[in-house]
Amino acid sequence: MTQAPNHQAPHHPEQDAAKTFRLHDRAVAARPMEVALYLVATPIGNLGDITLRALEVLAGADVLACEDTRVTRVLLDRYGITTRPYAYHEHNAEEVGPKLIAALEAGKSVALVSDAGTPLVSDPGYRLGQLALEAGLKVVPIPGPSAPLAALVGSGLPNDAFVFAGFLPTKDKARRDRLAQWEATPATLIFFESPHRIGATLAAAADVMGSERPACVCRELTKTFEEFRRGTLGELSAYYDDERQVKGEIVLVIGPPLAKAAPEPADIDRLLIELSKTLQTAKAATEAARQTGLPRKELYQRLLELKSEP
């Protein structure tokens, strides 16, 4: 791994003279950059998804921090960028983070990238962003590729309200407990998952959230073998059984809870009468409202009517 930068790092004059990037076999000069921490989104698979603004920042930044210098070097070489990348990841964040802040305070521009996608989303860049803001430094997002959003729009599931919930726990009970926390959320849910756990996760989700709930397994987004497999949680759980070997990076998208059919009036009456045997009228109406989703005021009034009947 390369040594992390600080404000006393050796100066490389050849880099100052080569703040360019290559676009269609033509060298494009990067403009001077304001002192700030730039959070640069990079491709999640297809290197052609990089934005022009991202290229300009990667070429023009005084310091470029990344998770893995080898991964980022592939992107830089593709576009003829000579900026030297420095490693910043979860294992050295406590040591390197303050050095990057020191570089910013010394008047240098710092660009941060993850191996793929948008920095700070499920990666250690979140802490660096916090440090910069706490130090009163400017933070500039450079938007671009995002695996959760690519999965959401490709899944075909409702996108008017959605929640990105990151990775689920690896242990079965903890995984099911987390799914139960999200089960009633009125939004589409987005999770990252590993290929060797997707079968177990789908089985747990079908049990906890219902086998008829719609979902989509999004695999290898933007890459050669990109796949969107849509179906119910039950159908997907059956497809990704223990016998199927799965490869590649996966985003699991689960649709919002299915609308429940309105209970029959006779069923509501039976529920109210049963609850009123052990609860006071107001509490019985509250519990009935929780179970049915109907207005408490209407249930309270109906229970009073039932009690007044001979």
Protein backbone atom coordinates (compact mmCIF):
# COMPACT_ATOMS: atom_id res chain seq x y z
CA MET A 1 0.00 0.00 0.00
CA THR A 2 1.15 3.54 -0.65
CA GLN A 3 1.92 5.88 2.22
CA ALA A 4 -0.93 8.18 3.26
CA PRO A 5 -0.51 11.86 2.37
CA ASN A 6 0.00 14.79 4.69
CA HIS A 7 0.74 18.45 4.17
CA GLN A 8 4.47 17.68 4.21
CA ALA A 9 4.29 15.00 1.51
CA PRO A 10 6.92 15.27 -1.25
CA HIS A 11 6.04 17.62 -4.06
CA HIS A 12 5.74 16.17 -7.55
CA PRO A 13 6.19 18.95 -10.16
CA GLU A 14 5.38 16.57 -13.01
CA GLN A 15 1.88 16.14 -11.58
CA ASP A 16 1.29 19.91 -11.57
CA ALA A 17 2.18 19.99 -15.25
CA ALA A 18 -0.08 17.07 -16.09
CA LYS A 19 -3.45 17.94 -14.56
CA THR A 20 -5.34 16.62 -17.54
CA PHE A 21 -7.59 13.73 -18.44
CA ARG A 22 -8.05 11.96 -21.75
CA LEU A 23 -11.40 12.09 -23.51
CA HIS A 24 -11.82 10.55 -26.96
CA ASP A 25 -8.02 10.47 -27.40
CA ARG A 26 -7.74 14.16 -26.62
CA ALA A 27 -6.07 15.66 -23.54
CA VAL A 28 -8.42 17.94 -21.60
CA ALA A 29 -7.00 20.32 -18.99
CA ALA A 30 -8.54 20.26 -15.53
CA ARG A 31 -9.54 23.64 -14.14
CA PRO A 32 -8.06 24.97 -10.88
CA MET A 33 -9.95 23.59 -7.91
CA GLU A 34 -11.25 25.26 -4.77
CA VAL A 35 -9.93 23.90 -1.48
CA ALA A 36 -12.52 21.31 -0.41
CA LEU A 37 -13.15 17.64 0.22
CA TYR A 38 -14.68 16.30 -3.00
CA LEU A 39 -16.76 13.11 -2.69
CA VAL A 40 -16.54 11.64 -6.17
CA ALA A 41 -18.91 8.93 -7.41
CA THR A 42 -17.17 6.39 -9.65
CA PRO A 43 -18.54 3.61 -11.91
CA ILE A 44 -20.04 0.54 -10.25
CA GLY A 45 -18.94 -1.63 -13.16
CA ASN A 46 -18.94 0.03 -16.57
CA LEU A 47 -16.07 2.54 -16.68
CA GLY A 48 -17.97 4.53 -19.30
CA ASP A 49 -20.39 5.70 -16.60
CA ILE A 50 -17.91 8.21 -15.17
CA THR A 51 -19.04 11.84 -15.45
CA LEU A 52 -17.01 14.65 -17.03
CA ARG A 53 -17.05 16.55 -13.76
CA ALA A 54 -15.70 13.52 -11.90
CA LEU A 55 -12.85 13.18 -14.38
CA GLU A 56 -11.97 16.84 -13.95
CA VAL A 57 -11.88 16.49 -10.16
CA LEU A 58 -9.84 13.29 -10.23
CA ALA A 59 -7.32 14.93 -12.55
CA GLY A 60 -7.23 18.29 -10.78
CA ALA A 61 -7.23 17.35 -7.10
CA ASP A 62 -4.03 17.84 -5.14
CA VAL A 63 -4.68 14.64 -3.16
CA LEU A 64 -6.70 11.61 -4.23
CA ALA A 65 -7.79 9.16 -1.51
CA CYS A 66 -9.33 5.78 -2.33
CA GLU A 67 -10.17 2.40 -0.81
CA ASP A 68 -7.81 0.34 -2.97
CA THR A 69 -5.16 2.05 -5.08
CA ARG A 70 -5.11 -0.87 -7.53
CA VAL A 71 -8.83 -0.58 -8.25
CA THR A 72 -8.71 3.19 -8.66
CA ARG A 73 -5.59 2.98 -10.82
CA VAL A 74 -7.57 1.04 -13.43
CA LEU A 75 -10.03 3.94 -13.72
CA LEU A 76 -7.28 6.57 -13.77
CA ASP A 77 -5.32 4.74 -16.48
CA ARG A 78 -8.46 4.41 -18.61
CA TYR A 79 -8.72 8.20 -18.76
CA GLY A 80 -5.03 9.12 -18.75
CA ILE A 81 -5.05 10.65 -15.25
CA THR A 82 -1.65 10.73 -13.53
CA THR A 83 -2.84 11.82 -10.07
CA ARG A 84 -1.26 9.51 -7.51
CA PRO A 85 -3.89 7.71 -5.38
CA TYR A 86 -3.39 7.15 -1.63
CA ALA A 87 -5.10 4.41 0.37
CA TYR A 88 -7.85 5.36 2.81
CA HIS A 89 -9.99 2.47 4.06
CA GLU A 90 -11.56 1.04 7.21
CA HIS A 91 -8.28 -0.44 8.44
CA ASN A 92 -6.26 2.81 8.31
CA ALA A 93 -9.01 5.44 8.63
CA GLU A 94 -8.02 6.56 12.13
CA GLU A 95 -4.43 7.17 11.02
CA VAL A 96 -5.00 8.54 7.52
CA GLY A 97 -8.16 10.58 8.14
CA PRO A 98 -6.40 13.28 10.22
CA LYS A 99 -3.65 13.51 7.58
CA LEU A 100 -6.20 14.19 4.87
CA ILE A 101 -7.80 16.86 7.06
CA ALA A 102 -4.34 18.37 7.59
CA ALA A 103 -3.85 18.49 3.82
CA LEU A 104 -7.15 20.36 3.47
CA GLU A 105 -6.18 22.80 6.21
CA ALA A 106 -2.88 23.36 4.41
CA GLY A 107 -4.79 24.59 1.36
CA LYS A 108 -4.90 21.43 -0.75
CA SER A 109 -7.94 20.03 -2.53
CA VAL A 110 -8.74 16.42 -1.62
CA ALA A 111 -10.84 14.01 -3.69
CA LEU A 112 -12.27 10.85 -2.10
CA VAL A 113 -13.50 7.83 -4.06
CA SER A 114 -14.68 4.38 -3.03
CA ASP A 115 -13.91 1.29 -5.08
CA ALA A 116 -17.25 1.74 -6.84
CA GLY A 117 -20.27 3.98 -6.51
CA THR A 118 -20.85 6.96 -4.26
CA PRO A 119 -18.49 7.57 -1.30
CA LEU A 120 -19.95 7.62 2.24
CA VAL A 121 -22.67 5.09 1.27
CA SER A 122 -21.74 1.98 3.28
CA ASP A 123 -18.01 2.79 3.35
CA PRO A 124 -15.52 4.46 5.74
CA GLY A 125 -15.68 7.78 3.88
CA TYR A 126 -18.56 8.77 6.16
CA ARG A 127 -16.15 9.43 9.02
CA LEU A 128 -13.85 11.54 6.84
CA GLY A 129 -16.80 13.66 5.77
CA GLN A 130 -17.68 14.15 9.43
CA LEU A 131 -14.12 15.19 10.30
CA ALA A 132 -14.08 17.74 7.49
CA LEU A 133 -17.37 19.28 8.54
CA GLU A 134 -16.32 19.35 12.19
CA ALA A 135 -13.18 21.23 11.13
CA GLY A 136 -15.28 23.80 9.25
CA LEU A 137 -14.03 22.64 5.85
CA LYS A 138 -16.06 22.60 2.66
CA VAL A 139 -17.46 19.27 1.43
CA VAL A 140 -18.55 19.00 -2.21
CA PRO A 141 -20.44 15.96 -3.56
CA ILE A 142 -19.72 15.00 -7.17
CA PRO A 143 -22.77 12.86 -8.01
CA GLY A 144 -22.77 9.94 -10.36
CA PRO A 145 -23.19 6.14 -10.30
CA SER A 146 -25.02 4.61 -7.33
CA ALA A 147 -25.81 0.91 -6.97
CA PRO A 148 -28.92 1.44 -4.76
CA LEU A 149 -30.48 3.88 -7.23
CA ALA A 150 -29.56 1.79 -10.28
CA ALA A 151 -31.19 -1.22 -8.62
CA LEU A 152 -34.27 0.76 -7.62
CA VAL A 153 -35.02 2.15 -11.07
CA GLY A 154 -34.25 -1.17 -12.76
CA SER A 155 -36.36 -3.25 -10.38
CA GLY A 156 -39.70 -1.92 -11.56
CA LEU A 157 -40.85 -1.55 -7.95
CA PRO A 158 -42.46 1.64 -6.54
CA ASN A 159 -39.91 4.45 -6.14
CA ASP A 160 -41.99 7.29 -4.71
CA ALA A 161 -40.71 6.32 -1.24
CA PHE A 162 -37.68 4.11 -0.61
CA VAL A 163 -35.19 3.23 2.13
CA PHE A 164 -31.59 2.15 1.66
CA ALA A 165 -30.83 -0.14 4.61
CA GLY A 166 -27.28 -1.27 3.75
CA PHE A 167 -26.15 -4.79 4.65
CA LEU A 168 -28.29 -7.15 6.72
CA PRO A 169 -26.70 -9.04 9.66
CA THR A 170 -25.01 -12.32 8.80
CA LYS A 171 -26.58 -14.37 11.63
CA ASP A 172 -30.06 -15.74 10.92
CA LYS A 173 -31.83 -14.48 14.06
CA ALA A 174 -30.30 -11.01 13.81
CA ARG A 175 -31.18 -10.91 10.11
CA ARG A 176 -34.79 -11.83 10.80
CA ASP A 177 -35.02 -9.29 13.62
CA ARG A 178 -33.76 -6.56 11.29
CA LEU A 179 -36.21 -7.56 8.56
CA ALA A 180 -39.01 -7.46 11.13
CA GLN A 181 -38.04 -3.88 11.98
CA TRP A 182 -38.51 -2.89 8.33
CA GLU A 183 -41.48 -5.15 7.57
CA ALA A 184 -44.23 -2.54 7.99
CA THR A 185 -42.30 0.41 6.53
CA PRO A 186 -44.48 1.90 3.75
CA ALA A 187 -41.62 2.13 1.26
CA THR A 188 -39.50 0.05 -1.09
CA LEU A 189 -36.50 -1.40 0.77
CA ILE A 190 -32.99 -1.67 -0.69
CA PHE A 191 -30.30 -3.94 0.76
CA PHE A 192 -26.77 -4.93 -0.21
CA GLU A 193 -26.17 -8.68 0.01
CA SER A 194 -23.39 -11.13 -0.75
CA PRO A 195 -23.93 -13.91 -3.33
CA HIS A 196 -23.38 -16.73 -0.82
CA ARG A 197 -26.05 -15.35 1.56
CA ILE A 198 -28.75 -14.26 -0.89
CA GLY A 199 -30.62 -17.58 -0.63
CA ALA A 200 -30.80 -17.46 3.18
CA THR A 201 -31.79 -13.79 3.11
CA LEU A 202 -34.63 -14.39 0.65
CA ALA A 203 -35.91 -17.31 2.71
CA ALA A 204 -35.88 -15.17 5.86
CA ALA A 205 -37.55 -12.26 4.07
CA ALA A 206 -40.30 -14.52 2.72
CA ASP A 207 -40.97 -15.84 6.24
CA VAL A 208 -40.91 -12.44 7.94
CA MET A 209 -42.48 -10.21 5.28
CA GLY A 210 -44.71 -12.67 3.45
CA SER A 211 -44.00 -14.89 0.46
CA GLU A 212 -46.26 -12.83 -1.85
CA ARG A 213 -44.39 -9.57 -1.38
CA PRO A 214 -42.76 -8.42 -4.66
CA ALA A 215 -38.99 -8.15 -4.89
CA CYS A 216 -36.08 -8.04 -7.31
CA VAL A 217 -32.56 -9.46 -7.13
CA CYS A 218 -30.25 -7.10 -9.03
CA ARG A 219 -26.89 -8.68 -9.88
CA GLU A 220 -23.72 -7.34 -11.53
CA LEU A 221 -25.24 -3.93 -12.23
CA THR A 222 -23.85 -2.16 -15.35
CA LYS A 223 -21.52 -5.10 -16.03
CA THR A 224 -21.51 -7.65 -18.86
CA PHE A 225 -23.72 -10.14 -17.02
CA GLU A 226 -26.15 -7.64 -15.50
CA GLU A 227 -29.34 -9.35 -14.34
CA PHE A 228 -32.66 -8.26 -12.85
CA ARG A 229 -34.63 -11.25 -11.53
CA ARG A 230 -38.11 -10.15 -10.49
CA GLY A 231 -40.79 -12.07 -8.64
CA THR A 232 -42.32 -12.58 -5.22
CA LEU A 233 -40.10 -13.27 -2.20
CA GLY A 234 -41.39 -16.84 -2.25
CA GLU A 235 -40.54 -17.34 -5.93
CA LEU A 236 -37.10 -15.78 -5.57
CA SER A 237 -36.38 -17.81 -2.43
CA ALA A 238 -37.20 -21.00 -4.34
CA TYR A 239 -34.97 -19.95 -7.26
CA TYR A 240 -31.96 -19.04 -5.10
CA ASP A 241 -31.99 -22.29 -3.12
CA ASP A 242 -28.95 -23.89 -1.52
CA GLU A 243 -28.12 -25.74 -4.73
CA ARG A 244 -27.75 -22.65 -6.91
CA GLN A 245 -24.31 -21.05 -7.04
CA VAL A 246 -24.49 -17.29 -7.36
CA LYS A 247 -21.67 -14.95 -8.34
CA GLY A 248 -21.25 -11.19 -8.45
CA GLU A 249 -22.36 -8.20 -6.43
CA ILE A 250 -26.04 -8.13 -5.46
CA VAL A 251 -28.59 -5.51 -4.50
CA LEU A 252 -31.89 -6.82 -3.14
CA VAL A 253 -34.94 -4.62 -3.63
CA ILE A 254 -38.16 -5.45 -1.76
CA GLY A 255 -41.43 -3.70 -2.58
CA PRO A 256 -43.60 -1.99 0.06
CA PRO A 257 -46.09 -4.01 2.12
CA LEU A 258 -49.07 -5.32 0.20
CA ALA A 259 -52.35 -3.55 0.90
CA LYS A 260 -54.49 -5.60 3.25
CA ALA A 261 -58.08 -6.31 2.35
CA ALA A 262 -60.55 -4.43 4.54
CA PRO A 263 -62.00 -6.74 7.19
CA GLU A 264 -65.69 -7.65 7.01
CA PRO A 265 -68.00 -5.70 9.41
CA ALA A 266 -68.95 -8.94 11.20
CA ASP A 267 -65.25 -9.73 11.77
CA ILE A 268 -64.68 -6.24 13.19
CA ASP A 269 -67.58 -6.64 15.58
CA ARG A 270 -66.26 -10.01 16.79
CA LEU A 271 -62.81 -8.50 17.35
CA LEU A 272 -64.19 -5.55 19.31
CA ILE A 273 -66.34 -7.79 21.52
CA GLU A 274 -63.43 -10.15 22.19
CA LEU A 275 -61.05 -7.29 23.07
CA SER A 276 -63.61 -5.62 25.33
CA LYS A 277 -63.71 -8.74 27.51
CA THR A 278 -60.24 -7.92 28.88
CA LEU A 279 -59.74 -4.24 28.01
CA GLN A 280 -61.58 -1.02 28.78
CA THR A 281 -63.55 0.44 25.87
CA ALA A 282 -60.97 3.04 24.87
CA LYS A 283 -58.07 0.59 25.02
CA ALA A 284 -60.05 -2.05 23.13
CA ALA A 285 -60.71 0.47 20.33
CA THR A 286 -57.02 1.41 20.25
CA GLU A 287 -55.94 -2.21 19.95
CA ALA A 288 -58.56 -2.90 17.27
CA ALA A 289 -57.29 0.11 15.31
CA ARG A 290 -53.74 -1.26 15.50
CA GLN A 291 -54.81 -4.66 14.24
CA THR A 292 -57.13 -3.51 11.46
CA GLY A 293 -55.73 -0.15 10.39
CA LEU A 294 -59.19 1.40 10.76
CA PRO A 295 -59.77 4.76 12.50
CA ARG A 296 -59.85 4.42 16.30
CA LYS A 297 -62.69 6.93 16.62
CA GLU A 298 -64.97 4.84 14.38
CA LEU A 299 -64.09 1.64 16.23
CA TYR A 300 -64.70 3.28 19.59
CA GLN A 301 -68.15 4.45 18.48
CA ARG A 302 -68.98 1.00 17.09
CA LEU A 303 -67.97 -0.68 20.35
CA LEU A 304 -70.25 1.67 22.30
CA GLU A 305 -73.10 0.70 19.98
CA LEU A 306 -72.38 -3.01 20.46
CA LYS A 307 -72.38 -2.60 24.24
CA SER A 308 -75.70 -0.78 24.17
CA GLU A 309 -77.42 -3.46 22.13
CA PRO A 310 -79.64 -5.88 24.13
